[in-house]
Amino acid sequence: MQSPFYHYNSSFNPLELISKFSVKNLNASNAFLTNFIGLKIAPEYMPECVRNRVGTIESAPIPANWHADISEFGAVLRALDLSTETRFVMGERKRFFFR
């Protein structure tokens, strides 16, 4: 069965953008998980079930990984690709749950 994460609607090719932004020959850091674009993720921002990935390099999310999929990365990389600025800043809203 094909993954449900391959099902999305888009006016651009997110797989092409993910490939375009993928960095080859990355070096792992012992203190972080490094993703396919070279971003280092601190363990305190990762769920407990994937903290064993610290010190590794994560492949592109095709079709998905533990926190994002083709459509999510495609949208962020599309914004970056369209930007004409020399500096690009984005933020993700943290979600807090209280009982």
N, C-alpha and C. Protein backbone atom coordinates (compact mmCIF):
# COMPACT_ATOMS: atom_id res chain seq x y z
N MET A 1 0.84 -1.18 0.00
CA MET A 1 0.00 0.00 0.00
C MET A 1 0.88 1.25 0.00
N GLN A 2 0.56 2.20 -0.84
CA GLN A 2 1.31 3.44 -0.90
C GLN A 2 0.98 4.32 0.31
N SER A 3 1.98 5.03 0.78
CA SER A 3 1.81 5.89 1.95
C SER A 3 0.78 6.99 1.69
N PRO A 4 -0.05 7.32 2.69
CA PRO A 4 -1.00 8.43 2.53
C PRO A 4 -0.29 9.78 2.44
N PHE A 5 0.99 9.83 2.79
CA PHE A 5 1.73 11.09 2.74
C PHE A 5 2.16 11.46 1.32
N TYR A 6 1.89 10.59 0.35
CA TYR A 6 2.13 10.93 -1.05
C TYR A 6 0.93 11.64 -1.66
N HIS A 7 -0.15 11.78 -0.90
CA HIS A 7 -1.37 12.39 -1.43
C HIS A 7 -1.48 13.84 -0.96
N TYR A 8 -1.24 14.77 -1.87
CA TYR A 8 -1.33 16.19 -1.57
C TYR A 8 -1.62 16.92 -2.88
N ASN A 9 -2.14 18.12 -2.79
CA ASN A 9 -2.38 18.97 -3.96
C ASN A 9 -1.38 20.12 -3.92
N SER A 10 -0.79 20.42 -5.06
CA SER A 10 0.22 21.47 -5.09
C SER A 10 0.34 22.07 -6.48
N SER A 11 0.65 23.36 -6.53
CA SER A 11 0.87 24.03 -7.82
C SER A 11 2.36 24.02 -8.18
N PHE A 12 3.18 23.41 -7.33
CA PHE A 12 4.62 23.27 -7.58
C PHE A 12 5.02 21.84 -7.24
N ASN A 13 6.25 21.48 -7.52
CA ASN A 13 6.72 20.12 -7.28
C ASN A 13 7.51 20.06 -5.97
N PRO A 14 6.86 19.65 -4.87
CA PRO A 14 7.56 19.63 -3.59
C PRO A 14 8.71 18.62 -3.56
N LEU A 15 8.60 17.52 -4.27
CA LEU A 15 9.69 16.54 -4.30
C LEU A 15 10.94 17.15 -4.94
N GLU A 16 10.73 17.94 -5.97
CA GLU A 16 11.85 18.62 -6.63
C GLU A 16 12.52 19.62 -5.69
N LEU A 17 11.72 20.37 -4.93
CA LEU A 17 12.28 21.34 -3.98
C LEU A 17 13.03 20.65 -2.85
N ILE A 18 12.48 19.57 -2.33
CA ILE A 18 13.16 18.82 -1.27
C ILE A 18 14.52 18.33 -1.78
N SER A 19 14.54 17.84 -2.98
CA SER A 19 15.80 17.39 -3.58
C SER A 19 16.77 18.57 -3.77
N LYS A 20 16.25 19.68 -4.24
CA LYS A 20 17.07 20.88 -4.49
C LYS A 20 17.75 21.37 -3.21
N PHE A 21 17.03 21.35 -2.09
CA PHE A 21 17.57 21.87 -0.84
C PHE A 21 18.33 20.83 -0.01
N SER A 22 18.29 19.57 -0.41
CA SER A 22 19.03 18.53 0.31
C SER A 22 20.53 18.79 0.20
N VAL A 23 21.21 18.73 1.32
CA VAL A 23 22.66 18.96 1.35
C VAL A 23 23.37 17.61 1.35
N LYS A 24 24.32 17.47 0.47
CA LYS A 24 25.11 16.24 0.38
C LYS A 24 26.30 16.34 1.33
N ASN A 25 26.79 15.22 1.77
CA ASN A 25 28.01 15.13 2.59
C ASN A 25 27.93 15.91 3.90
N LEU A 26 26.81 15.79 4.58
CA LEU A 26 26.67 16.44 5.89
C LEU A 26 27.46 15.67 6.95
N ASN A 27 27.88 16.35 7.98
CA ASN A 27 28.54 15.72 9.12
C ASN A 27 27.60 15.73 10.31
N ALA A 28 27.50 14.59 10.96
CA ALA A 28 26.64 14.48 12.14
C ALA A 28 27.28 15.19 13.32
N SER A 29 26.45 15.65 14.23
CA SER A 29 26.89 16.27 15.48
C SER A 29 26.45 15.36 16.61
N ASN A 30 27.33 15.10 17.55
CA ASN A 30 26.99 14.20 18.67
C ASN A 30 25.90 14.75 19.57
N ALA A 31 25.67 16.06 19.55
CA ALA A 31 24.71 16.68 20.46
C ALA A 31 23.35 16.94 19.82
N PHE A 32 23.21 16.73 18.52
CA PHE A 32 21.98 17.08 17.81
C PHE A 32 21.61 16.00 16.80
N LEU A 33 20.37 16.04 16.35
CA LEU A 33 19.93 15.32 15.16
C LEU A 33 20.07 16.32 14.03
N THR A 34 20.74 15.95 12.96
CA THR A 34 20.91 16.83 11.81
C THR A 34 19.95 16.38 10.73
N ASN A 35 19.17 17.32 10.16
CA ASN A 35 18.25 16.90 9.10
C ASN A 35 18.89 17.07 7.72
N PHE A 36 18.15 16.73 6.70
CA PHE A 36 18.64 16.68 5.33
C PHE A 36 19.07 18.02 4.75
N ILE A 37 18.67 19.12 5.38
CA ILE A 37 19.10 20.44 4.90
C ILE A 37 20.21 21.03 5.78
N GLY A 38 20.66 20.26 6.75
CA GLY A 38 21.75 20.68 7.62
C GLY A 38 21.30 21.34 8.91
N LEU A 39 20.00 21.42 9.15
CA LEU A 39 19.48 21.99 10.38
C LEU A 39 19.73 21.03 11.54
N LYS A 40 20.23 21.54 12.63
CA LYS A 40 20.49 20.72 13.80
C LYS A 40 19.34 20.88 14.80
N ILE A 41 18.79 19.75 15.24
CA ILE A 41 17.63 19.75 16.14
C ILE A 41 18.10 19.29 17.51
N ALA A 42 17.91 20.13 18.52
CA ALA A 42 18.30 19.81 19.89
C ALA A 42 17.35 18.75 20.46
N PRO A 43 17.87 17.82 21.25
CA PRO A 43 17.04 16.73 21.79
C PRO A 43 15.85 17.20 22.61
N GLU A 44 15.96 18.35 23.27
CA GLU A 44 14.83 18.80 24.09
C GLU A 44 13.61 19.19 23.26
N TYR A 45 13.77 19.33 21.96
CA TYR A 45 12.64 19.64 21.08
C TYR A 45 12.10 18.39 20.39
N MET A 46 12.65 17.25 20.74
CA MET A 46 12.25 15.99 20.10
C MET A 46 11.43 15.15 21.08
N PRO A 47 10.46 14.40 20.56
CA PRO A 47 9.75 13.48 21.45
C PRO A 47 10.71 12.41 21.98
N GLU A 48 10.42 11.92 23.14
CA GLU A 48 11.26 10.91 23.79
C GLU A 48 11.52 9.70 22.88
N CYS A 49 10.53 9.32 22.10
CA CYS A 49 10.65 8.11 21.28
C CYS A 49 11.67 8.23 20.14
N VAL A 50 12.14 9.41 19.82
CA VAL A 50 13.14 9.56 18.75
C VAL A 50 14.45 10.19 19.23
N ARG A 51 14.59 10.35 20.52
CA ARG A 51 15.83 10.95 21.03
C ARG A 51 17.04 10.06 20.79
N ASN A 52 16.82 8.80 20.50
CA ASN A 52 17.94 7.91 20.18
C ASN A 52 18.55 8.25 18.82
N ARG A 53 17.97 9.17 18.08
CA ARG A 53 18.50 9.59 16.77
C ARG A 53 19.51 10.72 16.89
N VAL A 54 19.71 11.24 18.09
CA VAL A 54 20.73 12.28 18.28
C VAL A 54 22.07 11.70 17.82
N GLY A 55 22.83 12.51 17.08
CA GLY A 55 24.11 12.07 16.55
C GLY A 55 24.02 11.45 15.17
N THR A 56 22.82 11.49 14.58
CA THR A 56 22.65 10.93 13.23
C THR A 56 22.21 12.02 12.25
N ILE A 57 22.20 11.66 10.99
CA ILE A 57 21.73 12.55 9.93
C ILE A 57 20.44 11.96 9.38
N GLU A 58 19.38 12.75 9.40
CA GLU A 58 18.07 12.30 8.95
C GLU A 58 17.92 12.53 7.44
N SER A 59 17.42 11.54 6.76
CA SER A 59 17.20 11.67 5.32
C SER A 59 15.99 12.55 5.03
N ALA A 60 15.81 12.90 3.78
CA ALA A 60 14.67 13.73 3.38
C ALA A 60 13.36 13.04 3.72
N PRO A 61 12.33 13.81 4.07
CA PRO A 61 11.04 13.24 4.49
C PRO A 61 10.18 12.82 3.30
N ILE A 62 10.62 11.80 2.60
CA ILE A 62 9.86 11.32 1.44
C ILE A 62 9.51 9.86 1.70
N PRO A 63 8.28 9.56 2.05
CA PRO A 63 7.14 10.48 2.08
C PRO A 63 7.00 11.24 3.38
N ALA A 64 7.55 10.71 4.49
CA ALA A 64 7.39 11.39 5.78
C ALA A 64 8.43 10.88 6.76
N ASN A 65 8.62 11.64 7.82
CA ASN A 65 9.46 11.18 8.93
C ASN A 65 8.70 11.43 10.23
N TRP A 66 9.37 11.46 11.34
CA TRP A 66 8.70 11.55 12.64
C TRP A 66 8.01 12.88 12.91
N HIS A 67 8.29 13.91 12.14
CA HIS A 67 7.69 15.22 12.45
C HIS A 67 7.14 15.98 11.26
N ALA A 68 7.38 15.55 10.05
CA ALA A 68 6.90 16.32 8.89
C ALA A 68 6.78 15.41 7.67
N ASP A 69 6.12 15.91 6.67
CA ASP A 69 5.96 15.13 5.45
C ASP A 69 6.26 15.99 4.23
N ILE A 70 6.07 15.42 3.05
CA ILE A 70 6.37 16.10 1.79
C ILE A 70 5.68 17.46 1.72
N SER A 71 4.40 17.51 2.06
CA SER A 71 3.67 18.78 1.92
C SER A 71 4.17 19.85 2.89
N GLU A 72 4.51 19.45 4.12
CA GLU A 72 5.00 20.44 5.09
C GLU A 72 6.35 21.01 4.67
N PHE A 73 7.30 20.14 4.38
CA PHE A 73 8.61 20.63 3.94
C PHE A 73 8.50 21.34 2.61
N GLY A 74 7.66 20.85 1.71
CA GLY A 74 7.48 21.50 0.42
C GLY A 74 7.02 22.93 0.56
N ALA A 75 6.07 23.19 1.45
CA ALA A 75 5.55 24.54 1.65
C ALA A 75 6.61 25.48 2.20
N VAL A 76 7.37 25.02 3.19
CA VAL A 76 8.43 25.85 3.77
C VAL A 76 9.51 26.12 2.74
N LEU A 77 9.93 25.11 2.01
CA LEU A 77 10.98 25.29 1.02
C LEU A 77 10.51 26.13 -0.16
N ARG A 78 9.23 26.09 -0.47
CA ARG A 78 8.68 26.95 -1.53
C ARG A 78 8.78 28.42 -1.11
N ALA A 79 8.42 28.72 0.15
CA ALA A 79 8.54 30.09 0.65
C ALA A 79 10.00 30.55 0.60
N LEU A 80 10.90 29.68 0.98
CA LEU A 80 12.32 30.01 0.92
C LEU A 80 12.78 30.22 -0.52
N ASP A 81 12.32 29.37 -1.41
CA ASP A 81 12.70 29.45 -2.82
C ASP A 81 12.20 30.75 -3.47
N LEU A 82 11.03 31.20 -3.07
CA LEU A 82 10.45 32.42 -3.64
C LEU A 82 10.99 33.70 -3.01
N SER A 83 11.64 33.57 -1.87
CA SER A 83 12.13 34.75 -1.17
C SER A 83 13.25 35.43 -1.95
N THR A 84 13.22 36.74 -1.95
CA THR A 84 14.27 37.51 -2.61
C THR A 84 15.21 38.15 -1.58
N GLU A 85 14.97 37.84 -0.33
CA GLU A 85 15.79 38.40 0.76
C GLU A 85 17.07 37.59 0.93
N THR A 86 18.08 38.21 1.49
CA THR A 86 19.33 37.50 1.77
C THR A 86 19.26 36.77 3.11
N ARG A 87 18.26 37.11 3.90
CA ARG A 87 18.05 36.45 5.19
C ARG A 87 16.61 36.00 5.26
N PHE A 88 16.39 34.77 5.72
CA PHE A 88 15.05 34.22 5.79
C PHE A 88 14.84 33.68 7.20
N VAL A 89 13.82 34.17 7.88
CA VAL A 89 13.53 33.74 9.24
C VAL A 89 12.11 33.21 9.28
N MET A 90 11.93 32.11 9.96
CA MET A 90 10.59 31.57 10.15
C MET A 90 10.48 31.02 11.55
N GLY A 91 9.30 30.90 12.02
CA GLY A 91 9.08 30.33 13.35
C GLY A 91 7.92 29.36 13.32
N GLU A 92 7.95 28.45 14.25
CA GLU A 92 6.86 27.50 14.37
C GLU A 92 6.23 27.70 15.73
N ARG A 93 4.93 27.77 15.73
CA ARG A 93 4.21 27.98 16.98
C ARG A 93 4.30 26.73 17.85
N LYS A 94 4.68 26.91 19.08
CA LYS A 94 4.70 25.79 20.02
C LYS A 94 3.29 25.56 20.54
N ARG A 95 2.98 24.32 20.75
CA ARG A 95 1.68 23.96 21.29
C ARG A 95 1.86 23.46 22.71
N PHE A 96 1.09 23.98 23.59
CA PHE A 96 1.16 23.57 24.98
C PHE A 96 -0.18 22.92 25.36
N PHE A 97 -0.09 21.85 26.07
CA PHE A 97 -1.30 21.15 26.52
C PHE A 97 -1.30 21.10 28.03
N PHE A 98 -2.40 21.51 28.63
CA PHE A 98 -2.52 21.51 30.07
C PHE A 98 -3.63 20.57 30.47
N ARG A 99 -3.46 19.94 31.61
CA ARG A 99 -4.52 19.07 32.14
C ARG A 99 -5.09 19.67 33.39
